[in-house]
Protein backbone atom coordinates (compact mmCIF):
# COMPACT_ATOMS: atom_id res chain seq x y z
CA GLU A 1 -7.84 14.52 -23.85
CA ALA A 2 -8.57 18.27 -23.81
CA GLY A 3 -11.59 19.12 -25.98
CA ALA A 4 -12.86 15.59 -25.99
CA ASP A 5 -16.74 15.33 -26.41
CA GLN A 6 -17.10 12.11 -24.60
CA VAL A 7 -15.33 10.67 -21.57
CA VAL A 8 -15.92 7.12 -20.52
CA LEU A 9 -15.38 6.22 -16.85
CA MET A 10 -14.99 2.66 -15.74
CA PHE A 11 -15.51 1.64 -12.26
CA GLU A 12 -14.44 -1.62 -10.70
CA LYS A 13 -15.08 -3.22 -7.46
CA SER A 14 -12.59 -2.53 -4.70
CA SER A 15 -10.43 -5.05 -2.80
CA VAL A 16 -8.40 -4.88 0.37
CA LEU A 17 -4.71 -5.26 1.11
CA ALA A 18 -4.26 -5.96 4.77
CA GLY A 19 -1.24 -6.77 6.92
CA GLN A 20 0.99 -5.50 9.79
CA VAL A 21 4.22 -3.43 10.07
CA VAL A 22 6.67 -4.93 12.57
CA GLY A 23 9.87 -3.55 14.14
CA PRO A 24 13.18 -5.54 14.47
CA ASP A 25 11.83 -7.28 17.55
CA GLY A 26 8.88 -8.67 15.61
CA LYS A 27 6.36 -6.52 17.46
CA GLY A 28 3.85 -4.38 15.72
CA MET A 29 4.63 -0.74 15.37
CA GLN A 30 2.98 2.33 13.90
CA ALA A 31 4.30 3.38 10.49
CA ARG A 32 3.30 4.87 7.15
CA VAL A 33 2.22 2.52 4.40
CA PHE A 34 2.02 3.26 0.64
CA PHE A 35 0.98 1.25 -2.48
CA PHE A 36 2.30 1.59 -5.92
CA TYR A 37 1.01 0.05 -9.24
CA ASP A 38 3.22 -2.25 -11.31
CA ALA A 39 1.95 -0.63 -14.47
CA PHE A 40 2.39 2.98 -13.25
CA PRO A 41 5.17 2.92 -10.47
CA GLU A 42 5.17 6.72 -10.27
CA VAL A 43 1.51 6.71 -9.25
CA GLY A 44 0.68 5.46 -5.77
CA GLY A 45 -1.92 5.77 -3.07
CA SER A 46 -1.73 8.45 -0.44
CA PRO A 47 0.29 7.52 2.65
CA TYR A 48 -1.71 5.69 5.28
CA SER A 49 -0.89 5.70 8.97
CA THR A 50 -1.19 2.19 10.41
CA GLU A 51 -2.97 1.49 13.76
CA PRO A 52 -0.64 1.73 16.75
CA ASP A 53 -0.06 -2.04 16.58
CA GLY A 54 1.13 -1.73 12.95
CA ARG A 55 -2.15 -3.21 11.38
CA PHE A 56 -3.43 -1.79 8.17
CA GLU A 57 -6.04 -2.27 5.49
CA LEU A 58 -5.82 -0.46 2.20
CA ASP A 59 -8.64 -0.19 -0.36
CA VAL A 60 -7.42 -0.95 -3.90
CA PRO A 61 -8.97 -1.87 -7.17
CA SER A 62 -9.67 -5.47 -7.60
CA SER A 63 -7.27 -5.62 -10.53
CA TYR A 64 -4.39 -4.23 -8.28
CA GLU A 65 -0.91 -5.51 -8.74
CA GLY A 66 2.12 -3.81 -7.40
CA MET A 67 4.32 -2.97 -4.51
CA VAL A 68 3.52 -2.15 -0.86
CA MET A 69 5.98 -0.06 1.13
CA ALA A 70 6.27 0.80 4.81
CA MET A 71 8.21 3.61 6.26
CA HIS A 72 9.22 4.47 9.87
CA LEU A 73 7.32 7.52 11.15
CA THR A 74 10.41 9.54 12.10
CA ASP A 75 13.25 7.85 10.09
CA GLN A 76 12.35 8.04 6.38
CA GLU A 77 15.46 6.08 5.44
CA ASN A 78 13.99 3.05 7.33
CA GLN A 79 11.86 1.43 4.69
CA VAL A 80 10.71 -1.98 3.53
CA ARG A 81 9.04 -3.00 0.30
CA VAL A 82 7.08 -6.12 -0.83
CA GLU A 83 6.69 -6.55 -4.54
CA GLY A 84 4.32 -8.67 -6.48
CA VAL A 85 1.35 -7.96 -4.19
CA LYS A 86 -2.06 -8.67 -5.69
CA ALA A 87 -5.42 -7.32 -4.68
CA GLY A 88 -6.86 -9.42 -1.84
CA ALA A 89 -3.57 -10.17 0.01
CA LYS A 90 -4.48 -10.21 3.66
CA ASN A 91 -1.31 -11.37 5.57
CA LEU A 92 1.33 -8.95 4.45
CA ARG A 93 4.14 -8.56 7.03
CA LEU A 94 6.51 -5.70 6.58
CA GLN A 95 9.47 -5.64 8.97
CA LEU A 96 11.45 -2.47 9.48
CA LYS A 97 15.00 -2.39 10.84
């Protein structure tokens, strides 16, 4: 709050979300990946470009619960979302059309 005399910052250990984006043929493909918090759906992490084979690892707070979204690099209409993701998920598979 503006004018506050004390500000308390709380840090928590980070965790990882990991997985792969695949195309319609089931083969890994490069894409953009985003994550959004259930409690604050309008607040998400910066877009992350996957590796060429579609693999990704995102650092999130250990208390993270939310949605992970993948988007095609050139066709922004081509998206897929996985809801109910929790910190520590390591085998996410997001298949684009």
